[in-house]
Protein backbone atom coordinates (compact mmCIF):
# COMPACT_ATOMS: atom_id res chain seq x y z
CA MET A 1 37.48 100.48 14.13
CA GLU A 2 33.85 100.77 12.88
CA SER A 3 32.87 99.19 16.48
CA LEU A 4 34.57 102.04 18.23
CA PHE A 5 33.60 105.03 16.11
CA PRO A 6 30.94 105.45 13.35
CA ILE A 7 33.30 105.61 10.28
CA SER A 8 30.58 104.94 7.61
CA THR A 9 28.35 108.00 8.91
CA TRP A 10 31.45 110.14 9.17
CA ARG A 11 32.36 109.48 5.85
CA TYR A 12 28.91 110.11 4.37
CA SER A 13 28.61 113.36 6.02
CA ARG A 14 32.08 114.18 4.90
CA ARG A 15 30.88 113.30 1.33
CA MET A 16 27.65 115.61 1.69
CA LYS A 17 29.95 118.47 2.42
CA GLU A 18 31.86 117.96 -0.58
CA VAL A 19 28.80 117.58 -3.06
CA LEU A 20 26.41 119.98 -1.51
CA PRO A 21 27.72 123.21 -2.68
CA ALA A 22 27.76 122.09 -6.42
CA ILE A 23 24.26 120.99 -6.17
CA ILE A 24 23.06 124.26 -4.41
CA LYS A 25 24.72 126.27 -7.11
CA ASP A 26 23.36 124.13 -10.07
CA HIS A 27 19.82 123.86 -9.10
CA ASP A 28 19.49 127.28 -6.92
CA ILE A 29 18.52 125.59 -3.64
CA ASP A 30 17.24 127.86 -0.83
CA ILE A 31 17.29 125.39 1.97
CA ILE A 32 18.42 121.92 2.79
CA GLU A 33 16.60 119.46 4.86
CA ALA A 34 18.53 116.54 6.83
CA THR A 35 17.37 113.76 9.32
CA ASP A 36 18.04 113.72 12.93
CA TRP A 37 19.32 110.50 12.99
CA GLY A 38 21.78 110.55 10.19
CA VAL A 39 23.91 113.55 10.59
CA ASP A 40 24.01 114.05 6.87
CA ALA A 41 24.59 117.61 7.13
CA GLY A 42 27.05 117.46 10.06
CA HIS A 43 30.24 118.40 8.25
CA TYR A 44 28.54 120.86 5.92
CA LEU A 45 26.93 122.81 8.70
CA PRO A 46 30.06 125.04 9.90
CA GLU A 47 30.49 126.24 6.23
CA ARG A 48 26.86 126.36 5.02
CA GLN A 49 25.79 128.45 2.00
CA VAL A 50 22.13 127.99 2.67
CA PRO A 51 20.32 127.26 6.03
CA VAL A 52 19.51 123.73 7.06
CA CYS A 53 16.60 122.09 8.46
CA VAL A 54 16.81 118.92 10.66
CA ARG A 55 13.81 116.92 10.89
CA LEU A 56 13.11 114.76 14.02
CA HIS A 57 11.47 111.55 13.17
CA GLY A 58 13.93 108.96 14.54
CA TYR A 59 14.61 105.23 13.62
CA PRO A 60 13.29 101.95 14.91
CA GLY A 61 15.91 101.20 17.86
CA PHE A 62 15.98 104.61 19.07
CA LYS A 63 13.44 104.52 22.04
CA ALA A 64 14.97 101.13 23.18
CA GLU A 65 18.56 102.50 23.15
CA PHE A 66 17.34 105.48 25.29
CA GLU A 67 15.32 103.56 27.69
CA THR A 68 18.11 100.61 28.16
CA GLY A 69 20.89 103.10 28.45
CA ILE A 70 23.12 102.31 25.65
CA LEU A 71 21.99 105.76 23.60
CA LYS A 72 25.16 107.41 25.37
CA ARG A 73 27.47 104.23 25.81
CA TRP A 74 31.34 104.88 25.45
CA PRO A 75 32.71 104.94 22.92
CA ARG A 76 31.05 104.40 19.81
CA ASN A 77 27.44 105.42 20.84
CA TYR A 78 28.76 108.32 22.84
CA PHE A 79 30.72 109.79 19.48
CA TYR A 80 27.53 109.51 17.60
CA TRP A 81 25.34 110.66 20.24
CA THR A 82 27.26 113.93 20.60
CA SER A 83 27.42 114.16 16.59
CA LYS A 84 23.81 114.01 16.30
CA ARG A 85 23.13 116.40 19.37
CA LYS A 86 25.46 118.80 17.56
CA HIS A 87 23.82 118.26 14.12
CA ILE A 88 20.61 119.18 15.67
CA LEU A 89 21.59 122.33 18.06
CA SER A 90 23.27 123.66 14.88
CA ALA A 91 20.52 123.59 12.52
CA ASP A 92 18.91 126.67 11.37
CA LEU A 93 15.47 125.15 11.79
CA VAL A 94 14.20 122.14 13.51
CA THR A 95 10.81 120.46 13.01
CA GLY A 96 9.21 117.64 14.41
CA VAL A 97 6.53 115.08 13.35
CA SER A 98 4.58 115.50 16.60
CA ARG A 99 4.32 117.05 20.21
CA SER A 100 4.71 113.73 22.07
CA TYR A 101 7.94 112.54 20.05
CA THR A 102 9.54 115.94 20.15
CA ASP A 103 9.22 115.90 23.96
CA PHE A 104 10.83 112.62 23.83
CA VAL A 105 13.87 113.69 21.68
CA ARG A 106 14.51 116.84 23.71
CA LYS A 107 15.00 114.61 26.63
CA ALA A 108 17.13 111.95 24.61
CA TRP A 109 19.43 114.27 22.75
CA GLU A 110 19.36 116.64 25.66
CA ILE A 111 18.27 119.73 23.55
CA LYS A 112 15.55 121.56 25.78
CA GLU A 113 16.96 124.91 24.81
CA LYS A 114 16.39 124.42 20.92
CA ASP A 115 13.22 125.72 19.42
CA VAL A 116 11.32 122.85 17.45
CA GLN A 117 8.36 123.87 15.10
CA ILE A 118 5.97 121.08 15.35
CA ILE A 119 4.89 120.25 11.56
CA PRO A 120 2.85 116.76 11.70
CA ILE A 121 2.70 114.22 8.65
CA ALA A 122 0.60 115.20 5.79
CA VAL A 123 -1.75 113.24 3.93
CA ASP A 124 -2.99 113.59 0.26
CA THR A 125 -6.82 113.57 0.72
CA ASP A 126 -7.33 113.40 -2.92
CA CYS A 127 -5.48 110.23 -2.97
CA PHE A 128 -6.36 108.88 0.25
CA HIS A 129 -10.13 108.84 0.69
CA PRO A 130 -13.14 106.74 1.23
CA SER A 131 -14.81 104.90 -1.59
CA GLY A 132 -18.19 103.45 -2.33
CA LEU A 133 -16.83 99.98 -2.15
CA PRO A 134 -18.44 97.79 0.65
CA ARG A 135 -16.20 97.01 3.63
CA GLU A 136 -15.44 93.32 4.21
CA LYS A 137 -16.99 92.16 7.47
CA GLN A 138 -14.51 91.47 10.14
CA LEU A 139 -11.41 92.08 8.33
CA ILE A 140 -8.64 93.90 10.36
CA LEU A 141 -5.59 95.29 8.42
CA PHE A 142 -1.97 95.66 9.62
CA ALA A 143 0.13 97.84 7.45
CA GLY A 144 3.70 98.25 8.30
CA ARG A 145 6.91 96.36 8.74
CA LEU A 146 6.40 92.88 10.50
CA GLU A 147 8.58 93.60 13.37
CA LYS A 148 8.53 93.96 17.10
CA SER A 149 8.65 97.65 17.19
CA LYS A 150 5.24 97.74 15.18
CA GLY A 151 3.64 95.62 17.88
CA ILE A 152 3.64 92.26 15.73
CA GLU A 153 4.18 90.01 18.56
CA ILE A 154 1.30 91.82 20.63
CA LEU A 155 -1.03 91.47 17.63
CA ALA A 156 -0.15 87.71 17.39
CA HIS A 157 -1.10 87.23 21.10
CA ALA A 158 -4.41 89.46 20.36
CA ILE A 159 -5.59 87.44 17.44
CA ALA A 160 -5.97 84.13 19.61
CA LEU A 161 -7.94 86.08 21.99
CA VAL A 162 -10.13 87.78 19.06
CA LEU A 163 -10.89 84.33 17.43
CA ARG A 164 -12.19 82.76 20.65
CA ARG A 165 -14.81 85.37 20.68
CA MET A 166 -15.32 86.14 16.88
CA PRO A 167 -14.32 82.97 14.98
CA LYS A 168 -15.01 84.40 11.64
CA ALA A 169 -12.48 87.28 11.94
CA ARG A 170 -9.75 87.66 9.37
CA PHE A 171 -6.41 89.35 9.66
CA CYS A 172 -4.58 91.24 6.47
CA PHE A 173 -0.91 91.86 6.97
CA ALA A 174 0.41 94.29 4.40
CA GLY A 175 4.29 95.00 4.40
CA LYS A 176 7.85 93.90 4.47
CA ASP A 177 8.20 90.74 6.27
CA GLN A 178 10.96 90.31 8.89
CA GLU A 179 12.45 87.54 10.77
CA TYR A 180 11.75 87.03 14.52
CA ASP A 181 14.27 84.49 15.69
CA ASP A 182 17.96 83.27 14.80
CA CYS A 183 16.71 80.59 12.86
CA ARG A 184 15.43 83.18 10.28
CA ARG A 185 11.88 82.41 10.36
CA SER A 186 9.69 85.06 9.38
CA TRP A 187 6.90 86.72 11.10
CA SER A 188 4.42 85.86 8.15
CA ARG A 189 5.38 82.18 8.31
CA ARG A 190 4.95 81.81 12.23
CA LEU A 191 1.60 83.58 11.97
CA THR A 192 0.25 81.37 9.20
CA ASP A 193 1.83 78.31 11.01
CA TYR A 194 0.09 78.96 14.18
CA PHE A 195 -3.28 80.36 12.70
CA SER A 196 -5.08 78.79 9.83
CA GLY A 197 -4.93 80.32 6.15
CA GLU A 198 -8.57 80.96 6.87
CA HIS A 199 -7.69 83.76 9.39
CA ILE A 200 -4.27 85.10 8.24
CA ILE A 201 -3.62 86.82 4.87
CA TYR A 202 0.01 87.83 4.15
CA LEU A 203 -0.33 90.48 1.36
CA GLY A 204 3.46 91.32 1.52
CA SER A 205 4.56 95.03 0.32
CA LEU A 206 1.81 96.62 -1.73
CA THR A 207 1.88 99.54 -4.05
CA THR A 208 0.20 102.72 -2.95
CA GLN A 209 -3.12 102.10 -4.67
CA GLU A 210 -3.23 98.57 -3.46
CA LEU A 211 -2.92 99.69 0.02
CA ILE A 212 -5.64 102.15 -0.35
CA ARG A 213 -8.11 99.61 -1.53
CA TYR A 214 -7.57 97.53 1.60
CA TYR A 215 -7.96 100.69 3.79
CA GLN A 216 -11.09 101.56 1.80
CA THR A 217 -12.49 97.87 2.16
CA SER A 218 -11.01 96.81 5.77
CA THR A 219 -13.33 97.04 8.52
CA ILE A 220 -10.68 98.32 11.14
CA CYS A 221 -6.92 99.13 10.76
CA ALA A 222 -4.69 97.99 13.88
CA VAL A 223 -1.68 99.81 14.88
CA PRO A 224 -0.26 98.27 17.96
CA SER A 225 3.10 99.97 17.66
CA LEU A 226 5.48 100.17 20.82
CA TYR A 227 7.35 103.16 19.30
CA GLU A 228 5.84 105.45 16.84
CA PRO A 229 6.96 109.08 16.13
CA GLY A 230 4.39 110.05 13.84
CA GLY A 231 2.38 107.04 12.34
CA THR A 232 1.78 107.37 8.52
CA VAL A 233 -0.51 104.59 8.56
CA VAL A 234 -3.04 106.09 11.02
CA PHE A 235 -3.39 109.11 8.86
CA GLU A 236 -3.76 107.11 5.75
CA ALA A 237 -6.20 104.73 7.18
CA MET A 238 -8.22 107.75 8.78
CA ALA A 239 -8.32 109.50 5.43
CA CYS A 240 -10.08 106.42 3.86
CA GLY A 241 -12.50 106.26 6.62
CA CYS A 242 -11.09 103.15 8.15
CA PRO A 243 -11.30 103.06 12.00
CA VAL A 244 -8.15 102.77 13.73
CA LEU A 245 -7.25 101.04 17.16
CA ALA A 246 -3.59 102.16 17.98
CA SER A 247 -1.31 102.15 20.88
CA ARG A 248 -1.21 105.10 23.26
CA VAL A 249 2.70 106.01 22.23
CA GLY A 250 4.50 108.69 20.33
CA GLY A 251 2.85 110.81 17.83
CA LEU A 252 -0.26 108.58 17.62
CA VAL A 253 -1.61 110.42 20.61
CA ASP A 254 -1.49 113.63 18.65
CA VAL A 255 -3.74 112.63 16.04
CA ILE A 256 -6.28 110.36 17.75
CA LYS A 257 -8.60 111.47 20.32
CA ASP A 258 -9.74 108.19 22.03
CA ARG A 259 -13.26 106.75 21.59
CA GLN A 260 -13.71 109.96 19.32
CA THR A 261 -11.42 109.63 16.36
CA GLY A 262 -10.11 106.27 16.97
CA PHE A 263 -9.35 103.70 19.78
CA LEU A 264 -6.24 104.11 22.06
CA ILE A 265 -4.92 101.31 23.94
CA PRO A 266 -1.83 100.69 26.27
CA PRO A 267 1.13 99.71 24.30
CA GLY A 268 1.89 95.93 24.89
CA ASP A 269 -1.27 94.97 26.32
CA ALA A 270 -2.74 92.00 23.77
CA GLU A 271 -5.85 91.80 26.00
CA ALA A 272 -6.84 95.46 25.65
CA LEU A 273 -5.93 95.13 21.95
CA ALA A 274 -8.24 92.20 21.57
CA ASP A 275 -11.07 93.90 23.66
CA GLY A 276 -10.97 96.87 21.46
CA LEU A 277 -10.98 95.05 18.08
CA VAL A 278 -13.74 92.84 19.34
CA GLU A 279 -15.71 96.00 20.56
CA LEU A 280 -15.12 97.72 17.14
CA LEU A 281 -16.09 94.58 15.01
CA GLN A 282 -19.58 94.30 16.76
CA ASP A 283 -20.66 97.70 17.10
CA ASP A 284 -21.30 99.07 13.47
CA GLN A 285 -22.84 102.51 14.29
CA LEU A 286 -19.77 103.16 16.82
CA ARG A 287 -17.47 102.40 13.71
CA GLN A 288 -19.16 104.93 11.30
CA GLU A 289 -19.34 107.63 14.00
CA ILE A 290 -15.38 107.23 14.64
CA SER A 291 -14.70 107.14 11.10
CA GLN A 292 -16.63 110.00 9.89
CA ARG A 293 -15.03 112.10 12.86
CA ALA A 294 -11.58 110.82 11.90
CA LEU A 295 -12.07 111.94 8.23
CA GLU A 296 -13.18 115.56 9.42
CA SER A 297 -10.14 115.63 11.52
CA ILE A 298 -7.48 114.71 8.96
CA ARG A 299 -9.06 117.23 6.26
CA ALA A 300 -9.16 119.96 8.88
CA ASP A 301 -5.81 119.40 10.40
CA PHE A 302 -3.41 117.21 8.16
CA ASP A 303 -4.28 117.56 4.54
CA ILE A 304 -1.16 117.73 2.63
CA ASN A 305 -1.92 121.43 1.29
CA MET A 306 -2.30 122.88 4.47
CA ILE A 307 0.84 121.09 5.92
CA ALA A 308 2.72 122.32 2.90
CA ARG A 309 1.83 125.87 3.64
CA ARG A 310 3.08 125.43 7.09
CA THR A 311 6.27 123.89 5.80
CA ALA A 312 6.88 126.57 3.30
CA ALA A 313 6.33 129.32 5.76
CA ALA A 314 8.78 127.88 7.98
CA TYR A 315 11.26 127.44 5.41
CA ALA A 316 10.69 131.19 4.49
CA ARG A 317 11.30 132.23 7.90
CA ALA A 318 14.56 130.33 8.27
CA ILE A 319 15.75 131.62 4.85
CA GLU A 320 14.95 135.34 5.80
CA ALA A 321 16.97 134.99 9.21
CA PHE A 322 19.79 133.31 7.58
CA LYS A 323 20.02 136.06 4.89
CA ALA A 324 20.02 138.80 7.63
CA PRO A 325 23.13 141.02 7.46
CA GLY A 326 25.92 139.89 9.82
CA ASP A 327 24.34 136.24 10.72
CA PRO A 328 27.48 134.27 11.85
CA ARG A 329 26.25 131.10 10.67
CA ARG A 330 26.47 132.01 6.94
CA LYS A 331 29.68 131.54 5.04
CA PRO A 332 30.94 134.62 3.41
């Protein structure tokens, strides 16, 4: 039955409807935020006591499902698609992490008529900031899950191209390892087997403080994602003064101005990725200029205190509209 209808998702949504009223009452909650992909508040929405905000940020396979046409494939995917669409359209407030990703979601969920407020990812600049530590020469950092959607396969091809021109370059990988084939072989093992330990360092999952240290001491942060709604790593690296080279996809184009606050390359292009990495590694002044402009951009537009105020203001407007006399969405 699960193969025909998303039973587990339906049950979870039903459970949310059962427990939310008591949680709202006990904790004096004014608004609820749910994800776009989980349909968490789907059953609660028709009888809501407080307004519901749906946050658009997607899931790893979303873009591929849309582009291959299986997002609405009957029967299971179509049930799921219609439920998610209704979930978004019924919300009192919808927010998106980036303009680019929101435009994509509008097309995929067919919700062009729904107003979406862009509230980008925030970064705590008191926590993520440059340090007085020296940056290690020719050290390239990759932070994120080691999987295809993050561009790990493209980066693997680019490494070989970079090493031909800069044999002393090293690549650090921080994040959860993933399998890359049916034989259950991992990406970290594939990289360390193909390239020598002199060039590849797999760090595994790091604590926030450990990751900040690598942002502060790496030469470049590479973000070759094939799909990226927001790109938290980009914000964090830029806030720490680490020059970023990223794919021209999703929300990354909203935060990076090419060759001003970072480098943007075509997604899936290993040669362009390698060329960009080599150029940044070889040009100390360019890296310094980019990192300074990126730091100023983050502090001006994406600081957590400013984004928190924007979020609170959006919540307040939704709550006020929900409490307006005669609002049909409110349960008596």
